[in-house]
Amino acid sequence: MDVDQDIWEDVWADIGDFPDGVLPQWLVDALVKKGIFMAQEVVNCEQELERCKVESSNLQTWFYMEYQAVKRLVKEWLELWRVNMIHVPTLSTAPSWDEFLPPPTLEDHASRI
């Protein structure tokens, strides 16, 4: 529709266009007009709230997946570092690996043999 069309105007040329010659309340009563506007505003707000809930859920899912990926990466890196560092001599006063991670097994070194 063109914004210049007469349908956008709140004036009617002939009252006879309406049943029984009575203008509808949405056309003549300012409170009804305001109520229609407010009802549409409530609907719009409810729709926006639903969109926000979906977006929040998507963000939580994304963050959880990223967190799990980083957690796996850190675990793999620590394990690789532990396996590679087991042969580095340490002082007798140095903390044992057993305090942090279990000692490496033969399978840990199998790929290097």
N, C-alpha and C. Protein backbone atom coordinates (compact mmCIF):
# COMPACT_ATOMS: atom_id res chain seq x y z
N MET A 1 0.83 -1.19 0.00
CA MET A 1 0.00 0.00 0.00
C MET A 1 0.87 1.25 0.00
N ASP A 2 0.40 2.23 -0.67
CA ASP A 2 1.09 3.51 -0.72
C ASP A 2 0.76 4.30 0.55
N VAL A 3 1.75 4.92 1.13
CA VAL A 3 1.52 5.68 2.37
C VAL A 3 0.63 6.90 2.15
N ASP A 4 0.46 7.30 0.92
CA ASP A 4 -0.38 8.46 0.63
C ASP A 4 -1.85 8.08 0.39
N GLN A 5 -2.19 6.80 0.44
CA GLN A 5 -3.56 6.40 0.19
C GLN A 5 -4.47 6.87 1.32
N ASP A 6 -5.72 7.10 0.97
CA ASP A 6 -6.69 7.63 1.92
C ASP A 6 -7.04 6.65 3.04
N ILE A 7 -6.77 5.37 2.85
CA ILE A 7 -7.14 4.39 3.87
C ILE A 7 -6.43 4.65 5.19
N TRP A 8 -5.31 5.32 5.13
CA TRP A 8 -4.56 5.62 6.35
C TRP A 8 -5.19 6.76 7.15
N GLU A 9 -6.07 7.46 6.56
CA GLU A 9 -6.73 8.58 7.24
C GLU A 9 -7.85 8.07 8.14
N ASP A 10 -8.08 8.73 9.27
CA ASP A 10 -9.15 8.37 10.20
C ASP A 10 -10.44 9.13 9.87
N VAL A 11 -10.60 9.56 8.67
CA VAL A 11 -11.83 10.27 8.29
C VAL A 11 -12.54 9.46 7.21
N TRP A 12 -13.85 9.50 7.26
CA TRP A 12 -14.65 8.79 6.27
C TRP A 12 -15.62 9.78 5.64
N ALA A 13 -15.73 9.68 4.35
CA ALA A 13 -16.56 10.65 3.62
C ALA A 13 -18.05 10.44 3.89
N ASP A 14 -18.45 9.20 4.06
CA ASP A 14 -19.88 8.93 4.16
C ASP A 14 -20.15 8.02 5.34
N ILE A 15 -20.91 8.52 6.30
CA ILE A 15 -21.26 7.72 7.49
C ILE A 15 -22.13 6.53 7.10
N GLY A 16 -22.74 6.59 5.98
CA GLY A 16 -23.58 5.51 5.49
C GLY A 16 -22.78 4.27 5.10
N ASP A 17 -21.46 4.40 5.03
CA ASP A 17 -20.61 3.25 4.71
C ASP A 17 -20.60 2.24 5.85
N PHE A 18 -21.05 2.65 7.02
CA PHE A 18 -21.03 1.79 8.20
C PHE A 18 -22.42 1.26 8.48
N PRO A 19 -22.50 0.04 9.06
CA PRO A 19 -23.82 -0.53 9.37
C PRO A 19 -24.60 0.37 10.33
N ASP A 20 -25.86 0.56 10.06
CA ASP A 20 -26.75 1.38 10.88
C ASP A 20 -26.26 2.81 11.03
N GLY A 21 -25.32 3.22 10.24
CA GLY A 21 -24.83 4.59 10.31
C GLY A 21 -24.05 4.91 11.58
N VAL A 22 -23.58 3.88 12.27
CA VAL A 22 -22.84 4.08 13.53
C VAL A 22 -21.35 3.84 13.27
N LEU A 23 -20.56 4.82 13.63
CA LEU A 23 -19.11 4.67 13.47
C LEU A 23 -18.57 3.69 14.50
N PRO A 24 -17.63 2.83 14.12
CA PRO A 24 -17.06 1.87 15.07
C PRO A 24 -16.22 2.59 16.12
N GLN A 25 -16.15 1.97 17.31
CA GLN A 25 -15.43 2.59 18.42
C GLN A 25 -13.94 2.78 18.12
N TRP A 26 -13.36 1.85 17.37
CA TRP A 26 -11.95 1.97 17.06
C TRP A 26 -11.63 3.19 16.22
N LEU A 27 -12.67 3.74 15.61
CA LEU A 27 -12.49 4.90 14.75
C LEU A 27 -12.74 6.21 15.49
N VAL A 28 -13.62 6.19 16.48
CA VAL A 28 -14.01 7.46 17.11
C VAL A 28 -13.56 7.59 18.57
N ASP A 29 -13.33 6.51 19.27
CA ASP A 29 -13.01 6.57 20.69
C ASP A 29 -11.49 6.50 20.89
N ALA A 30 -10.95 7.57 21.47
CA ALA A 30 -9.49 7.65 21.68
C ALA A 30 -9.00 6.55 22.63
N LEU A 31 -9.81 6.18 23.63
CA LEU A 31 -9.40 5.13 24.56
C LEU A 31 -9.34 3.77 23.87
N VAL A 32 -10.26 3.50 22.97
CA VAL A 32 -10.25 2.25 22.23
C VAL A 32 -9.01 2.21 21.32
N LYS A 33 -8.72 3.34 20.67
CA LYS A 33 -7.53 3.40 19.82
C LYS A 33 -6.27 3.13 20.64
N LYS A 34 -6.21 3.75 21.82
CA LYS A 34 -5.05 3.56 22.68
C LYS A 34 -4.99 2.10 23.16
N GLY A 35 -6.14 1.52 23.47
CA GLY A 35 -6.19 0.12 23.90
C GLY A 35 -5.71 -0.83 22.82
N ILE A 36 -6.08 -0.57 21.59
CA ILE A 36 -5.61 -1.39 20.46
C ILE A 36 -4.09 -1.29 20.35
N PHE A 37 -3.60 -0.08 20.46
CA PHE A 37 -2.15 0.13 20.38
C PHE A 37 -1.45 -0.61 21.52
N MET A 38 -1.98 -0.51 22.74
CA MET A 38 -1.36 -1.16 23.89
C MET A 38 -1.43 -2.69 23.77
N ALA A 39 -2.54 -3.21 23.27
CA ALA A 39 -2.67 -4.65 23.09
C ALA A 39 -1.61 -5.15 22.10
N GLN A 40 -1.40 -4.40 21.02
CA GLN A 40 -0.37 -4.79 20.05
C GLN A 40 1.01 -4.68 20.67
N GLU A 41 1.21 -3.70 21.51
CA GLU A 41 2.49 -3.53 22.20
C GLU A 41 2.78 -4.73 23.12
N VAL A 42 1.76 -5.22 23.81
CA VAL A 42 1.91 -6.39 24.67
C VAL A 42 2.30 -7.61 23.83
N VAL A 43 1.63 -7.80 22.72
CA VAL A 43 1.94 -8.93 21.83
C VAL A 43 3.39 -8.82 21.33
N ASN A 44 3.79 -7.62 20.93
CA ASN A 44 5.16 -7.41 20.45
C ASN A 44 6.18 -7.72 21.55
N CYS A 45 5.89 -7.28 22.77
CA CYS A 45 6.81 -7.53 23.88
C CYS A 45 6.91 -9.02 24.19
N GLU A 46 5.79 -9.73 24.14
CA GLU A 46 5.82 -11.17 24.38
C GLU A 46 6.65 -11.88 23.31
N GLN A 47 6.51 -11.45 22.06
CA GLN A 47 7.30 -12.06 20.98
C GLN A 47 8.79 -11.77 21.18
N GLU A 48 9.11 -10.55 21.58
CA GLU A 48 10.51 -10.19 21.81
C GLU A 48 11.08 -10.98 22.98
N LEU A 49 10.29 -11.19 24.01
CA LEU A 49 10.73 -11.98 25.16
C LEU A 49 11.04 -13.42 24.72
N GLU A 50 10.21 -14.00 23.87
CA GLU A 50 10.48 -15.34 23.36
C GLU A 50 11.77 -15.38 22.55
N ARG A 51 11.98 -14.34 21.72
CA ARG A 51 13.22 -14.29 20.94
C ARG A 51 14.44 -14.19 21.87
N CYS A 52 14.31 -13.41 22.95
CA CYS A 52 15.42 -13.27 23.90
C CYS A 52 15.70 -14.59 24.62
N LYS A 53 14.65 -15.33 24.95
CA LYS A 53 14.84 -16.63 25.60
C LYS A 53 15.58 -17.59 24.68
N VAL A 54 15.21 -17.61 23.42
CA VAL A 54 15.88 -18.49 22.44
C VAL A 54 17.34 -18.08 22.29
N GLU A 55 17.59 -16.78 22.21
CA GLU A 55 18.96 -16.30 22.05
C GLU A 55 19.79 -16.64 23.29
N SER A 56 19.21 -16.50 24.46
CA SER A 56 19.90 -16.86 25.70
C SER A 56 20.25 -18.34 25.71
N SER A 57 19.31 -19.17 25.31
CA SER A 57 19.56 -20.60 25.25
C SER A 57 20.68 -20.92 24.25
N ASN A 58 20.65 -20.27 23.11
CA ASN A 58 21.69 -20.49 22.10
C ASN A 58 23.06 -20.09 22.64
N LEU A 59 23.12 -18.96 23.35
CA LEU A 59 24.39 -18.51 23.91
C LEU A 59 24.90 -19.47 24.98
N GLN A 60 24.01 -19.98 25.82
CA GLN A 60 24.42 -20.94 26.84
C GLN A 60 24.94 -22.22 26.21
N THR A 61 24.28 -22.69 25.18
CA THR A 61 24.73 -23.90 24.48
C THR A 61 26.09 -23.68 23.84
N TRP A 62 26.25 -22.54 23.16
CA TRP A 62 27.53 -22.22 22.52
C TRP A 62 28.64 -22.16 23.57
N PHE A 63 28.38 -21.45 24.68
CA PHE A 63 29.41 -21.30 25.71
C PHE A 63 29.78 -22.66 26.30
N TYR A 64 28.81 -23.51 26.55
CA TYR A 64 29.07 -24.83 27.11
C TYR A 64 29.95 -25.64 26.16
N MET A 65 29.64 -25.61 24.87
CA MET A 65 30.42 -26.36 23.89
C MET A 65 31.86 -25.82 23.83
N GLU A 66 32.00 -24.50 23.85
CA GLU A 66 33.34 -23.91 23.83
C GLU A 66 34.12 -24.27 25.09
N TYR A 67 33.43 -24.22 26.23
CA TYR A 67 34.07 -24.56 27.51
C TYR A 67 34.55 -26.02 27.49
N GLN A 68 33.71 -26.93 27.00
CA GLN A 68 34.10 -28.34 26.94
C GLN A 68 35.29 -28.54 26.01
N ALA A 69 35.32 -27.82 24.89
CA ALA A 69 36.44 -27.94 23.95
C ALA A 69 37.74 -27.46 24.60
N VAL A 70 37.68 -26.35 25.30
CA VAL A 70 38.88 -25.82 25.97
C VAL A 70 39.31 -26.77 27.08
N LYS A 71 38.35 -27.30 27.81
CA LYS A 71 38.66 -28.24 28.89
C LYS A 71 39.37 -29.48 28.34
N ARG A 72 38.86 -30.03 27.22
CA ARG A 72 39.51 -31.19 26.60
C ARG A 72 40.92 -30.84 26.14
N LEU A 73 41.07 -29.67 25.53
CA LEU A 73 42.37 -29.25 25.04
C LEU A 73 43.37 -29.11 26.17
N VAL A 74 42.97 -28.50 27.25
CA VAL A 74 43.87 -28.33 28.40
C VAL A 74 44.24 -29.69 28.99
N LYS A 75 43.27 -30.58 29.10
CA LYS A 75 43.54 -31.92 29.63
C LYS A 75 44.53 -32.66 28.74
N GLU A 76 44.33 -32.61 27.42
CA GLU A 76 45.24 -33.27 26.49
C GLU A 76 46.63 -32.65 26.55
N TRP A 77 46.69 -31.33 26.65
CA TRP A 77 47.98 -30.65 26.71
C TRP A 77 48.72 -31.01 27.99
N LEU A 78 48.01 -31.04 29.11
CA LEU A 78 48.64 -31.40 30.38
C LEU A 78 49.14 -32.85 30.35
N GLU A 79 48.35 -33.74 29.79
CA GLU A 79 48.76 -35.14 29.70
C GLU A 79 50.00 -35.28 28.82
N LEU A 80 50.01 -34.62 27.67
CA LEU A 80 51.16 -34.67 26.78
C LEU A 80 52.40 -34.09 27.46
N TRP A 81 52.23 -32.99 28.14
CA TRP A 81 53.34 -32.37 28.84
C TRP A 81 53.86 -33.29 29.94
N ARG A 82 52.96 -33.92 30.69
CA ARG A 82 53.36 -34.84 31.76
C ARG A 82 54.15 -36.01 31.20
N VAL A 83 53.67 -36.60 30.10
CA VAL A 83 54.35 -37.74 29.48
C VAL A 83 55.73 -37.32 28.98
N ASN A 84 55.83 -36.15 28.39
CA ASN A 84 57.12 -35.69 27.87
C ASN A 84 58.08 -35.27 28.98
N MET A 85 57.56 -34.82 30.09
CA MET A 85 58.42 -34.33 31.18
C MET A 85 58.82 -35.41 32.16
N ILE A 86 58.30 -36.62 32.04
CA ILE A 86 58.58 -37.68 33.01
C ILE A 86 60.06 -38.03 33.04
N HIS A 87 60.76 -37.82 31.94
CA HIS A 87 62.17 -38.18 31.85
C HIS A 87 63.09 -37.04 32.29
N VAL A 88 62.54 -35.90 32.60
CA VAL A 88 63.37 -34.77 33.04
C VAL A 88 63.75 -35.01 34.50
N PRO A 89 65.02 -34.98 34.80
CA PRO A 89 65.43 -35.21 36.19
C PRO A 89 64.97 -34.06 37.08
N THR A 90 64.60 -34.42 38.28
CA THR A 90 64.15 -33.41 39.24
C THR A 90 64.87 -33.61 40.56
N LEU A 91 64.82 -32.62 41.39
CA LEU A 91 65.40 -32.72 42.72
C LEU A 91 64.56 -33.66 43.57
N SER A 92 65.15 -34.25 44.53
CA SER A 92 64.41 -35.17 45.40
C SER A 92 63.36 -34.42 46.22
N THR A 93 63.52 -33.13 46.34
CA THR A 93 62.55 -32.34 47.12
C THR A 93 61.40 -31.85 46.25
N ALA A 94 61.49 -32.10 44.95
CA ALA A 94 60.43 -31.64 44.04
C ALA A 94 59.17 -32.45 44.29
N PRO A 95 57.99 -31.85 44.11
CA PRO A 95 56.75 -32.60 44.30
C PRO A 95 56.64 -33.73 43.28
N SER A 96 56.01 -34.78 43.68
CA SER A 96 55.84 -35.94 42.81
C SER A 96 54.69 -35.69 41.83
N TRP A 97 54.79 -36.34 40.67
CA TRP A 97 53.70 -36.25 39.70
C TRP A 97 52.42 -36.86 40.25
N ASP A 98 52.59 -37.82 41.15
CA ASP A 98 51.43 -38.49 41.72
C ASP A 98 50.51 -37.51 42.44
N GLU A 99 51.05 -36.39 42.86
CA GLU A 99 50.22 -35.39 43.53
C GLU A 99 49.27 -34.71 42.54
N PHE A 100 49.65 -34.69 41.28
CA PHE A 100 48.86 -33.98 40.27
C PHE A 100 48.11 -34.93 39.34
N LEU A 101 48.85 -35.86 38.76
CA LEU A 101 48.30 -36.82 37.81
C LEU A 101 48.87 -38.19 38.10
N PRO A 102 48.18 -39.24 37.73
CA PRO A 102 48.75 -40.57 37.93
C PRO A 102 50.00 -40.74 37.06
N PRO A 103 50.94 -41.60 37.47
CA PRO A 103 52.16 -41.77 36.68
C PRO A 103 51.83 -42.33 35.30
N PRO A 104 52.68 -42.05 34.32
CA PRO A 104 52.43 -42.55 32.97
C PRO A 104 52.54 -44.06 32.91
N THR A 105 51.83 -44.63 31.97
CA THR A 105 51.87 -46.08 31.78
C THR A 105 52.65 -46.40 30.52
N LEU A 106 52.88 -47.69 30.30
CA LEU A 106 53.60 -48.11 29.10
C LEU A 106 52.87 -47.67 27.84
N GLU A 107 51.53 -47.67 27.89
CA GLU A 107 50.75 -47.25 26.72
C GLU A 107 51.02 -45.78 26.38
N ASP A 108 51.33 -44.99 27.40
CA ASP A 108 51.64 -43.59 27.13
C ASP A 108 52.87 -43.45 26.25
N HIS A 109 53.81 -44.38 26.40
CA HIS A 109 55.06 -44.31 25.64
C HIS A 109 55.04 -45.20 24.41
N ALA A 110 54.01 -46.00 24.23
CA ALA A 110 53.96 -46.97 23.13
C ALA A 110 54.13 -46.30 21.78
N SER A 111 53.56 -45.15 21.62
CA SER A 111 53.65 -44.49 20.31
C SER A 111 55.06 -43.98 20.04
N ARG A 112 55.89 -43.86 21.04
CA ARG A 112 57.24 -43.33 20.86
C ARG A 112 58.27 -44.46 20.69
N ILE A 113 57.87 -45.69 20.96
CA ILE A 113 58.82 -46.81 20.90
C ILE A 113 58.88 -47.35 19.49
